[in-house]
PDB file of N, CA and C in Angstrom:
ATOM      1  N   MET A   1     108.727  97.339  92.340  1.00  0.00           N
ATOM      2  CA  MET A   1     108.690  98.117  93.547  1.00  0.00           C
ATOM      3  C   MET A   1     108.967  97.198  94.724  1.00  0.00           C
ATOM      4  N   CYS A   2     109.746  97.656  95.663  1.00  0.00           N
ATOM      5  CA  CYS A   2     110.076  96.890  96.859  1.00  0.00           C
ATOM      6  C   CYS A   2     109.459  97.582  98.059  1.00  0.00           C
ATOM      7  N   CYS A   3     109.005  96.808  98.984  1.00  0.00           N
ATOM      8  CA  CYS A   3     108.435  97.375 100.194  1.00  0.00           C
ATOM      9  C   CYS A   3     108.852  96.512 101.371  1.00  0.00           C
ATOM     10  N   ARG A   4     109.401  97.121 102.380  1.00  0.00           N
ATOM     11  CA  ARG A   4     109.765  96.382 103.589  1.00  0.00           C
ATOM     12  C   ARG A   4     109.088  97.107 104.738  1.00  0.00           C
ATOM     13  N   CYS A   5     108.366  96.374 105.565  1.00  0.00           N
ATOM     14  CA  CYS A   5     107.567  96.990 106.618  1.00  0.00           C
ATOM     15  C   CYS A   5     107.984  96.509 108.000  1.00  0.00           C
ATOM     16  N   HIS A   6     107.914  97.407 108.958  1.00  0.00           N
ATOM     17  CA  HIS A   6     108.112  97.062 110.361  1.00  0.00           C
ATOM     18  C   HIS A   6     106.942  97.645 111.139  1.00  0.00           C
ATOM     19  N   THR A   7     106.544  96.998 112.217  1.00  0.00           N
ATOM     20  CA  THR A   7     105.415  97.479 112.994  1.00  0.00           C
ATOM     21  C   THR A   7     105.833  98.556 113.983  1.00  0.00           C
ATOM     22  N   ASN A   8     104.850  99.288 114.500  1.00  0.00           N
ATOM     23  CA  ASN A   8     105.073 100.441 115.368  1.00  0.00           C
ATOM     24  C   ASN A   8     105.499 100.099 116.785  1.00  0.00           C
ATOM     25  N   GLU A   9     105.356  98.868 117.234  1.00  0.00           N
ATOM     26  CA  GLU A   9     105.572  98.538 118.635  1.00  0.00           C
ATOM     27  C   GLU A   9     106.979  98.875 119.125  1.00  0.00           C
ATOM     28  N   PHE A  10     107.977  98.866 118.246  1.00  0.00           N
ATOM     29  CA  PHE A  10     109.347  99.172 118.653  1.00  0.00           C
ATOM     30  C   PHE A  10     109.537 100.656 118.955  1.00  0.00           C
ATOM     31  N   LEU A  11     108.792 101.508 118.294  1.00  0.00           N
ATOM     32  CA  LEU A  11     109.006 102.951 118.408  1.00  0.00           C
ATOM     33  C   LEU A  11     108.874 103.438 119.844  1.00  0.00           C
ATOM     34  N   ALA A  12     107.821 103.029 120.519  1.00  0.00           N
ATOM     35  CA  ALA A  12     107.597 103.492 121.886  1.00  0.00           C
ATOM     36  C   ALA A  12     108.598 102.879 122.861  1.00  0.00           C
ATOM     37  N   GLN A  13     109.015 101.652 122.610  1.00  0.00           N
ATOM     38  CA  GLN A  13     109.881 100.953 123.550  1.00  0.00           C
ATOM     39  C   GLN A  13     111.343 101.345 123.410  1.00  0.00           C
ATOM     40  N   ALA A  14     111.811 101.533 122.215  1.00  0.00           N
ATOM     41  CA  ALA A  14     113.230 101.810 122.007  1.00  0.00           C
ATOM     42  C   ALA A  14     113.419 102.608 120.726  1.00  0.00           C
ATOM     43  N   PRO A  15     113.302 103.938 120.817  1.00  0.00           N
ATOM     44  CA  PRO A  15     113.377 104.766 119.606  1.00  0.00           C
ATOM     45  C   PRO A  15     114.655 104.570 118.793  1.00  0.00           C
ATOM     46  N   GLU A  16     115.803 104.434 119.457  1.00  0.00           N
ATOM     47  CA  GLU A  16     117.051 104.258 118.707  1.00  0.00           C
ATOM     48  C   GLU A  16     117.072 102.917 117.987  1.00  0.00           C
ATOM     49  N   ALA A  17     116.563 101.879 118.628  1.00  0.00           N
ATOM     50  CA  ALA A  17     116.491 100.567 117.980  1.00  0.00           C
ATOM     51  C   ALA A  17     115.569 100.638 116.767  1.00  0.00           C
ATOM     52  N   PHE A  18     114.487 101.380 116.896  1.00  0.00           N
ATOM     53  CA  PHE A  18     113.559 101.526 115.774  1.00  0.00           C
ATOM     54  C   PHE A  18     114.229 102.266 114.619  1.00  0.00           C
ATOM     55  N   ARG A  19     114.953 103.336 114.935  1.00  0.00           N
ATOM     56  CA  ARG A  19     115.652 104.077 113.878  1.00  0.00           C
ATOM     57  C   ARG A  19     116.688 103.188 113.190  1.00  0.00           C
ATOM     58  N   ALA A  20     117.334 102.325 113.964  1.00  0.00           N
ATOM     59  CA  ALA A  20     118.302 101.386 113.372  1.00  0.00           C
ATOM     60  C   ALA A  20     117.601 100.410 112.434  1.00  0.00           C
ATOM     61  N   LEU A  21     116.412  99.949 112.808  1.00  0.00           N
ATOM     62  CA  LEU A  21     115.641  99.064 111.925  1.00  0.00           C
ATOM     63  C   LEU A  21     115.291  99.767 110.621  1.00  0.00           C
ATOM     64  N   ILE A  22     114.896 101.019 110.717  1.00  0.00           N
ATOM     65  CA  ILE A  22     114.540 101.786 109.519  1.00  0.00           C
ATOM     66  C   ILE A  22     115.763 101.954 108.618  1.00  0.00           C
ATOM     67  N   ARG A  23     116.911 102.295 109.204  1.00  0.00           N
ATOM     68  CA  ARG A  23     118.139 102.426 108.403  1.00  0.00           C
ATOM     69  C   ARG A  23     118.477 101.104 107.716  1.00  0.00           C
ATOM     70  N   ASN A  24     118.373 100.005 108.451  1.00  0.00           N
ATOM     71  CA  ASN A  24     118.651  98.683 107.895  1.00  0.00           C
ATOM     72  C   ASN A  24     117.679  98.357 106.765  1.00  0.00           C
ATOM     73  N   ALA A  25     116.408  98.643 106.978  1.00  0.00           N
ATOM     74  CA  ALA A  25     115.401  98.380 105.946  1.00  0.00           C
ATOM     75  C   ALA A  25     115.703  99.178 104.682  1.00  0.00           C
ATOM     76  N   LYS A  26     116.089 100.439 104.850  1.00  0.00           N
ATOM     77  CA  LYS A  26     116.406 101.276 103.687  1.00  0.00           C
ATOM     78  C   LYS A  26     117.600 100.727 102.914  1.00  0.00           C
ATOM     79  N   GLN A  27     118.608 100.231 103.635  1.00  0.00           N
ATOM     80  CA  GLN A  27     119.773  99.643 102.968  1.00  0.00           C
ATOM     81  C   GLN A  27     119.384  98.389 102.185  1.00  0.00           C
ATOM     82  N   ILE A  28     118.562  97.542 102.792  1.00  0.00           N
ATOM     83  CA  ILE A  28     118.129  96.312 102.124  1.00  0.00           C
ATOM     84  C   ILE A  28     117.315  96.642 100.880  1.00  0.00           C
ATOM     85  N   VAL A  29     116.386  97.578 101.008  1.00  0.00           N
ATOM     86  CA  VAL A  29     115.552  97.958  99.868  1.00  0.00           C
ATOM     87  C   VAL A  29     116.409  98.556  98.761  1.00  0.00           C
ATOM     88  N   GLU A  30     117.398  99.363  99.117  1.00  0.00           N
ATOM     89  CA  GLU A  30     118.289  99.949  98.111  1.00  0.00           C
ATOM     90  C   GLU A  30     119.063  98.858  97.365  1.00  0.00           C
ATOM     91  N   GLN A  31     119.557  97.863  98.087  1.00  0.00           N
ATOM     92  CA  GLN A  31     120.283  96.755  97.454  1.00  0.00           C
ATOM     93  C   GLN A  31     119.378  95.980  96.497  1.00  0.00           C
ATOM     94  N   ILE A  32     118.162  95.689  96.932  1.00  0.00           N
ATOM     95  CA  ILE A  32     117.221  94.944  96.091  1.00  0.00           C
ATOM     96  C   ILE A  32     116.862  95.754  94.853  1.00  0.00           C
ATOM     97  N   THR A  33     116.629  97.050  95.041  1.00  0.00           N
ATOM     98  CA  THR A  33     116.282  97.920  93.924  1.00  0.00           C
ATOM     99  C   THR A  33     117.410  97.959  92.894  1.00  0.00           C
ATOM    100  N   LYS A  34     118.647  98.071  93.356  1.00  0.00           N
ATOM    101  CA  LYS A  34     119.795  98.084  92.436  1.00  0.00           C
ATOM    102  C   LYS A  34     119.914  96.769  91.674  1.00  0.00           C
ATOM    103  N   LYS A  35     119.709  95.645  92.359  1.00  0.00           N
ATOM    104  CA  LYS A  35     119.770  94.338  91.694  1.00  0.00           C
ATOM    105  C   LYS A  35     118.693  94.231  90.616  1.00  0.00           C
ATOM    106  N   ALA A  36     117.500  94.715  90.918  1.00  0.00           N
ATOM    107  CA  ALA A  36     116.416  94.676  89.935  1.00  0.00           C
ATOM    108  C   ALA A  36     116.772  95.512  88.715  1.00  0.00           C
ATOM    109  N   GLU A  37     117.310  96.704  88.937  1.00  0.00           N
ATOM    110  CA  GLU A  37     117.661  97.591  87.829  1.00  0.00           C
ATOM    111  C   GLU A  37     118.763  96.998  86.961  1.00  0.00           C
ATOM    112  N   VAL A  38     119.726  96.306  87.574  1.00  0.00           N
ATOM    113  CA  VAL A  38     120.786  95.631  86.814  1.00  0.00           C
ATOM    114  C   VAL A  38     120.180  94.584  85.877  1.00  0.00           C
ATOM    115  N   GLU A  39     119.091  93.960  86.319  1.00  0.00           N
ATOM    116  CA  GLU A  39     118.412  92.942  85.506  1.00  0.00           C
ATOM    117  C   GLU A  39     117.411  93.555  84.524  1.00  0.00           C
ATOM    118  N   GLY A  40     117.355  94.875  84.471  1.00  0.00           N
ATOM    119  CA  GLY A  40     116.452  95.542  83.538  1.00  0.00           C
ATOM    120  C   GLY A  40     115.031  95.689  84.047  1.00  0.00           C
ATOM    121  N   ILE A  41     114.844  95.549  85.346  1.00  0.00           N
ATOM    122  CA  ILE A  41     113.516  95.671  85.948  1.00  0.00           C
ATOM    123  C   ILE A  41     113.392  97.060  86.560  1.00  0.00           C
ATOM    124  N   LYS A  42     112.373  97.800  86.142  1.00  0.00           N
ATOM    125  CA  LYS A  42     112.123  99.121  86.710  1.00  0.00           C
ATOM    126  C   LYS A  42     111.675  98.934  88.160  1.00  0.00           C
ATOM    127  N   ALA A  43     112.362  99.584  89.088  1.00  0.00           N
ATOM    128  CA  ALA A  43     112.054  99.394  90.504  1.00  0.00           C
ATOM    129  C   ALA A  43     112.147 100.706  91.259  1.00  0.00           C
ATOM    130  N   GLN A  44     111.321 100.820  92.266  1.00  0.00           N
ATOM    131  CA  GLN A  44     111.338 101.965  93.166  1.00  0.00           C
ATOM    132  C   GLN A  44     111.285 101.400  94.579  1.00  0.00           C
ATOM    133  N   GLY A  45     112.202 101.781  95.427  1.00  0.00           N
ATOM    134  CA  GLY A  45     112.233 101.272  96.797  1.00  0.00           C
ATOM    135  C   GLY A  45     111.559 102.226  97.760  1.00  0.00           C
ATOM    136  N   LEU A  46     110.709 101.691  98.615  1.00  0.00           N
ATOM    137  CA  LEU A  46     110.014 102.489  99.623  1.00  0.00           C
ATOM    138  C   LEU A  46     110.108 101.791 100.970  1.00  0.00           C
ATOM    139  N   VAL A  47     110.262 102.574 102.020  1.00  0.00           N
ATOM    140  CA  VAL A  47     110.181 102.049 103.382  1.00  0.00           C
ATOM    141  C   VAL A  47     109.134 102.891 104.095  1.00  0.00           C
ATOM    142  N   ARG A  48     108.108 102.239 104.588  1.00  0.00           N
ATOM    143  CA  ARG A  48     107.022 102.938 105.276  1.00  0.00           C
ATOM    144  C   ARG A  48     106.758 102.284 106.623  1.00  0.00           C
ATOM    145  N   GLU A  49     106.231 103.051 107.530  1.00  0.00           N
ATOM    146  CA  GLU A  49     105.882 102.567 108.860  1.00  0.00           C
ATOM    147  C   GLU A  49     104.383 102.294 108.912  1.00  0.00           C
ATOM    148  N   GLY A  50     103.974 101.205 109.562  1.00  0.00           N
ATOM    149  CA  GLY A  50     102.564 100.912 109.744  1.00  0.00           C
ATOM    150  C   GLY A  50     102.278  99.430 109.716  1.00  0.00           C
ATOM    151  N   GLU A  51     101.006  99.097 109.750  1.00  0.00           N
ATOM    152  CA  GLU A  51     100.589  97.702 109.642  1.00  0.00           C
ATOM    153  C   GLU A  51     100.926  97.223 108.236  1.00  0.00           C
ATOM    154  N   LYS A  52     101.573  96.083 108.148  1.00  0.00           N
ATOM    155  CA  LYS A  52     102.109  95.613 106.866  1.00  0.00           C
ATOM    156  C   LYS A  52     101.047  95.569 105.777  1.00  0.00           C
ATOM    157  N   TYR A  53      99.913  94.932 106.055  1.00  0.00           N
ATOM    158  CA  TYR A  53      98.896  94.778 105.016  1.00  0.00           C
ATOM    159  C   TYR A  53      98.337  96.125 104.576  1.00  0.00           C
ATOM    160  N   GLU A  54      98.173  97.061 105.524  1.00  0.00           N
ATOM    161  CA  GLU A  54      97.654  98.384 105.174  1.00  0.00           C
ATOM    162  C   GLU A  54      98.660  99.164 104.335  1.00  0.00           C
ATOM    163  N   VAL A  55      99.934  99.095 104.721  1.00  0.00           N
ATOM    164  CA  VAL A  55     100.979  99.800 103.976  1.00  0.00           C
ATOM    165  C   VAL A  55     101.046  99.277 102.546  1.00  0.00           C
ATOM    166  N   ILE A  56     101.044  97.962 102.390  1.00  0.00           N
ATOM    167  CA  ILE A  56     101.119  97.363 101.049  1.00  0.00           C
ATOM    168  C   ILE A  56      99.913  97.769 100.213  1.00  0.00           C
ATOM    169  N   ALA A  57      98.712  97.674 100.777  1.00  0.00           N
ATOM    170  CA  ALA A  57      97.497  98.047 100.042  1.00  0.00           C
ATOM    171  C   ALA A  57      97.488  99.539  99.710  1.00  0.00           C
ATOM    172  N   ASN A  58      97.920 100.379 100.643  1.00  0.00           N
ATOM    173  CA  ASN A  58      97.948 101.827 100.396  1.00  0.00           C
ATOM    174  C   ASN A  58      98.934 102.199  99.297  1.00  0.00           C
ATOM    175  N   ILE A  59     100.116 101.588  99.316  1.00  0.00           N
ATOM    176  CA  ILE A  59     101.094 101.870  98.263  1.00  0.00           C
ATOM    177  C   ILE A  59     100.555 101.425  96.911  1.00  0.00           C
ATOM    178  N   ALA A  60      99.939 100.252  96.863  1.00  0.00           N
ATOM    179  CA  ALA A  60      99.360  99.770  95.604  1.00  0.00           C
ATOM    180  C   ALA A  60      98.313 100.753  95.093  1.00  0.00           C
ATOM    181  N   ASN A  61      97.515 101.299  95.995  1.00  0.00           N
ATOM    182  CA  ASN A  61      96.496 102.272  95.610  1.00  0.00           C
ATOM    183  C   ASN A  61      97.137 103.575  95.129  1.00  0.00           C
ATOM    184  N   GLU A  62      98.109 104.099  95.881  1.00  0.00           N
ATOM    185  CA  GLU A  62      98.788 105.349  95.514  1.00  0.00           C
ATOM    186  C   GLU A  62      99.497 105.241  94.166  1.00  0.00           C
ATOM    187  N   GLU A  63     100.077 104.084  93.893  1.00  0.00           N
ATOM    188  CA  GLU A  63     100.850 103.882  92.668  1.00  0.00           C
ATOM    189  C   GLU A  63     100.002 103.354  91.510  1.00  0.00           C
ATOM    190  N   ASN A  64      98.694 103.207  91.730  1.00  0.00           N
ATOM    191  CA  ASN A  64      97.799 102.637  90.717  1.00  0.00           C
ATOM    192  C   ASN A  64      98.346 101.313  90.184  1.00  0.00           C
ATOM    193  N   SER A  65      98.768 100.453  91.104  1.00  0.00           N
ATOM    194  CA  SER A  65      99.365  99.169  90.731  1.00  0.00           C
ATOM    195  C   SER A  65      98.353  98.263  90.049  1.00  0.00           C
ATOM    196  N   ASP A  66      98.844  97.498  89.082  1.00  0.00           N
ATOM    197  CA  ASP A  66      98.013  96.523  88.384  1.00  0.00           C
ATOM    198  C   ASP A  66      97.994  95.186  89.105  1.00  0.00           C
ATOM    199  N   LEU A  67      99.043  94.911  89.897  1.00  0.00           N
ATOM    200  CA  LEU A  67      99.193  93.603  90.524  1.00  0.00           C
ATOM    201  C   LEU A  67     100.124  93.713  91.730  1.00  0.00           C
ATOM    202  N   ILE A  68      99.786  92.988  92.787  1.00  0.00           N
ATOM    203  CA  ILE A  68     100.674  92.828  93.936  1.00  0.00           C
ATOM    204  C   ILE A  68     101.151  91.384  93.910  1.00  0.00           C
ATOM    205  N   ILE A  69     102.462  91.186  94.020  1.00  0.00           N
ATOM    206  CA  ILE A  69     103.029  89.839  94.108  1.00  0.00           C
ATOM    207  C   ILE A  69     103.591  89.703  95.512  1.00  0.00           C
ATOM    208  N   ILE A  70     103.131  88.679  96.242  1.00  0.00           N
ATOM    209  CA  ILE A  70     103.511  88.538  97.647  1.00  0.00           C
ATOM    210  C   ILE A  70     103.722  87.071  97.994  1.00  0.00           C
ATOM    211  N   GLY A  71     104.671  86.819  98.862  1.00  0.00           N
ATOM    212  CA  GLY A  71     104.961  85.455  99.297  1.00  0.00           C
ATOM    213  C   GLY A  71     104.127  85.058 100.498  1.00  0.00           C
ATOM    214  N   SER A  72     103.968  83.754 100.665  1.00  0.00           N
ATOM    215  CA  SER A  72     103.225  83.201 101.792  1.00  0.00           C
ATOM    216  C   SER A  72     104.037  82.070 102.404  1.00  0.00           C
ATOM    217  N   HIS A  73     104.032  81.992 103.727  1.00  0.00           N
ATOM    218  CA  HIS A  73     104.769  80.933 104.423  1.00  0.00           C
ATOM    219  C   HIS A  73     104.113  79.568 104.275  1.00  0.00           C
ATOM    220  N   GLY A  74     102.854  79.526 103.893  1.00  0.00           N
ATOM    221  CA  GLY A  74     102.162  78.242 103.789  1.00  0.00           C
ATOM    222  C   GLY A  74     101.813  77.669 105.150  1.00  0.00           C
ATOM    223  N   ARG A  75     101.446  78.523 106.077  1.00  0.00           N
ATOM    224  CA  ARG A  75     101.072  78.067 107.418  1.00  0.00           C
ATOM    225  C   ARG A  75      99.767  77.286 107.376  1.00  0.00           C
ATOM    226  N   THR A  76      99.568  76.484 108.401  1.00  0.00           N
ATOM    227  CA  THR A  76      98.315  75.739 108.516  1.00  0.00           C
ATOM    228  C   THR A  76      97.213  76.693 108.955  1.00  0.00           C
ATOM    229  N   ALA A  77      95.964  76.254 108.836  1.00  0.00           N
ATOM    230  CA  ALA A  77      94.830  77.075 109.255  1.00  0.00           C
ATOM    231  C   ALA A  77      94.939  77.426 110.735  1.00  0.00           C
ATOM    232  N   PHE A  78      95.368  76.480 111.553  1.00  0.00           N
ATOM    233  CA  PHE A  78      95.520  76.729 112.988  1.00  0.00           C
ATOM    234  C   PHE A  78      96.569  77.802 113.256  1.00  0.00           C
ATOM    235  N   GLU A  79      97.692  77.739 112.554  1.00  0.00           N
ATOM    236  CA  GLU A  79      98.742  78.748 112.724  1.00  0.00           C
ATOM    237  C   GLU A  79      98.249  80.126 112.295  1.00  0.00           C
ATOM    238  N   ARG A  80      97.452  80.187 111.234  1.00  0.00           N
ATOM    239  CA  ARG A  80      96.915  81.476 110.777  1.00  0.00           C
ATOM    240  C   ARG A  80      95.970  82.072 111.813  1.00  0.00           C
ATOM    241  N   ILE A  81      95.201  81.203 112.490  1.00  0.00           N
ATOM    242  CA  ILE A  81      94.293  81.690 113.534  1.00  0.00           C
ATOM    243  C   ILE A  81      95.095  82.301 114.677  1.00  0.00           C
ATOM    244  N   LEU A  82      96.195  81.652 115.035  1.00  0.00           N
ATOM    245  CA  LEU A  82      97.009  82.127 116.155  1.00  0.00           C
ATOM    246  C   LEU A  82      97.778  83.396 115.830  1.00  0.00           C
ATOM    247  N   VAL A  83      98.401  83.452 114.678  1.00  0.00           N
ATOM    248  CA  VAL A  83      99.278  84.580 114.367  1.00  0.00           C
ATOM    249  C   VAL A  83      98.759  85.479 113.251  1.00  0.00           C
ATOM    250  N   GLY A  84      97.703  85.109 112.580  1.00  0.00           N
ATOM    251  CA  GLY A  84      97.188  85.907 111.481  1.00  0.00           C
ATOM    252  C   GLY A  84      98.026  85.723 110.233  1.00  0.00           C
ATOM    253  N   SER A  85      97.599  86.322 109.157  1.00  0.00           N
ATOM    254  CA  SER A  85      98.324  86.208 107.902  1.00  0.00           C
ATOM    255  C   SER A  85      98.312  87.549 107.191  1.00  0.00           C
ATOM    256  N   VAL A  86      99.489  88.131 107.041  1.00  0.00           N
ATOM    257  CA  VAL A  86      99.605  89.394 106.316  1.00  0.00           C
ATOM    258  C   VAL A  86      99.113  89.202 104.892  1.00  0.00           C
ATOM    259  N   THR A  87      99.503  88.093 104.276  1.00  0.00           N
ATOM    260  CA  THR A  87      99.107  87.830 102.896  1.00  0.00           C
ATOM    261  C   THR A  87      97.592  87.793 102.758  1.00  0.00           C
ATOM    262  N   GLU A  88      96.911  87.096 103.669  1.00  0.00           N
ATOM    263  CA  GLU A  88      95.446  87.037 103.606  1.00  0.00           C
ATOM    264  C   GLU A  88      94.832  88.421 103.741  1.00  0.00           C
ATOM    265  N   LYS A  89      95.389  89.241 104.626  1.00  0.00           N
ATOM    266  CA  LYS A  89      94.861  90.595 104.806  1.00  0.00           C
ATOM    267  C   LYS A  89      95.128  91.455 103.578  1.00  0.00           C
ATOM    268  N   VAL A  90      96.293  91.290 102.956  1.00  0.00           N
ATOM    269  CA  VAL A  90      96.586  92.035 101.729  1.00  0.00           C
ATOM    270  C   VAL A  90      95.566  91.669 100.661  1.00  0.00           C
ATOM    271  N   VAL A  91      95.302  90.374 100.506  1.00  0.00           N
ATOM    272  CA  VAL A  91      94.315  89.927  99.514  1.00  0.00           C
ATOM    273  C   VAL A  91      92.965  90.588  99.787  1.00  0.00           C
ATOM    274  N   GLY A  92      92.586  90.695 101.056  1.00  0.00           N
ATOM    275  CA  GLY A  92      91.302  91.286 101.413  1.00  0.00           C
ATOM    276  C   GLY A  92      91.231  92.792 101.228  1.00  0.00           C
ATOM    277  N   PHE A  93      92.338  93.494 101.389  1.00  0.00           N
ATOM    278  CA  PHE A  93      92.342  94.957 101.341  1.00  0.00           C
ATOM    279  C   PHE A  93      92.892  95.547 100.049  1.00  0.00           C
ATOM    280  N   ALA A  94      93.519  94.742  99.229  1.00  0.00           N
ATOM    281  CA  ALA A  94      94.206  95.253  98.037  1.00  0.00           C
ATOM    282  C   ALA A  94      93.235  95.862  97.031  1.00  0.00           C
ATOM    283  N   PRO A  95      93.657  96.956  96.393  1.00  0.00           N
ATOM    284  CA  PRO A  95      92.831  97.589  95.373  1.00  0.00           C
ATOM    285  C   PRO A  95      93.022  96.972  93.984  1.00  0.00           C
ATOM    286  N   CYS A  96      93.807  95.887  93.912  1.00  0.00           N
ATOM    287  CA  CYS A  96      94.107  95.247  92.635  1.00  0.00           C
ATOM    288  C   CYS A  96      94.297  93.749  92.875  1.00  0.00           C
ATOM    289  N   PRO A  97      94.425  92.957  91.814  1.00  0.00           N
ATOM    290  CA  PRO A  97      94.667  91.522  92.000  1.00  0.00           C
ATOM    291  C   PRO A  97      95.974  91.265  92.760  1.00  0.00           C
ATOM    292  N   VAL A  98      96.004  90.135  93.473  1.00  0.00           N
ATOM    293  CA  VAL A  98      97.180  89.741  94.252  1.00  0.00           C
ATOM    294  C   VAL A  98      97.604  88.346  93.809  1.00  0.00           C
ATOM    295  N   LEU A  99      98.873  88.211  93.430  1.00  0.00           N
ATOM    296  CA  LEU A  99      99.453  86.916  93.070  1.00  0.00           C
ATOM    297  C   LEU A  99     100.256  86.437  94.269  1.00  0.00           C
ATOM    298  N   VAL A 100      99.876  85.274  94.825  1.00  0.00           N
ATOM    299  CA  VAL A 100     100.525  84.738  96.015  1.00  0.00           C
ATOM    300  C   VAL A 100     101.375  83.543  95.621  1.00  0.00           C
ATOM    301  N   PHE A 101     102.630  83.527  96.082  1.00  0.00           N
ATOM    302  CA  PHE A 101     103.479  82.361  95.852  1.00  0.00           C
ATOM    303  C   PHE A 101     103.944  81.821  97.196  1.00  0.00           C
ATOM    304  N   SER A 102     104.174  80.518  97.257  1.00  0.00           N
ATOM    305  CA  SER A 102     104.602  79.865  98.498  1.00  0.00           C
ATOM    306  C   SER A 102     106.110  79.809  98.575  1.00  0.00           C
ATOM    307  N   TYR A 103     106.618  79.945  99.777  1.00  0.00           N
ATOM    308  CA  TYR A 103     108.043  79.763 100.024  1.00  0.00           C
ATOM    309  C   TYR A 103     108.225  79.250 101.443  1.00  0.00           C
ATOM    310  N   CYS A 104     109.365  78.670 101.704  1.00  0.00           N
ATOM    311  CA  CYS A 104     109.690  78.155 103.035  1.00  0.00           C
ATOM    312  C   CYS A 104     110.780  79.012 103.638  1.00  0.00           C
ATOM    313  N   ASP A 105     110.746  79.138 104.966  1.00  0.00           N
ATOM    314  CA  ASP A 105     111.798  79.894 105.670  1.00  0.00           C
ATOM    315  C   ASP A 105     113.108  79.170 105.614  1.00  0.00           C
TER     316      ASP A 105
END
């Protein structure tokens, strides 16, 4: 399953820009889903609006997921205090185990 999230702040400021983001997200998710299926991986693409960690946890709950796999930037503790961590919040709110892997931008 693929999930791409955008926050609500764009909607009030620029509705057309927000709709363009949603269209772009849907295209990206569709491409990823097709690539997964070519590799024999069962995939379902979803694009939802909301707080990233809540959307991910809610989808996992709705789909009765056994596991969430999510990447982490590997920020320092100070950086997490300043900007927060979606991954940490997912771990805290998830209805199932969460596997976290590190990656660099």
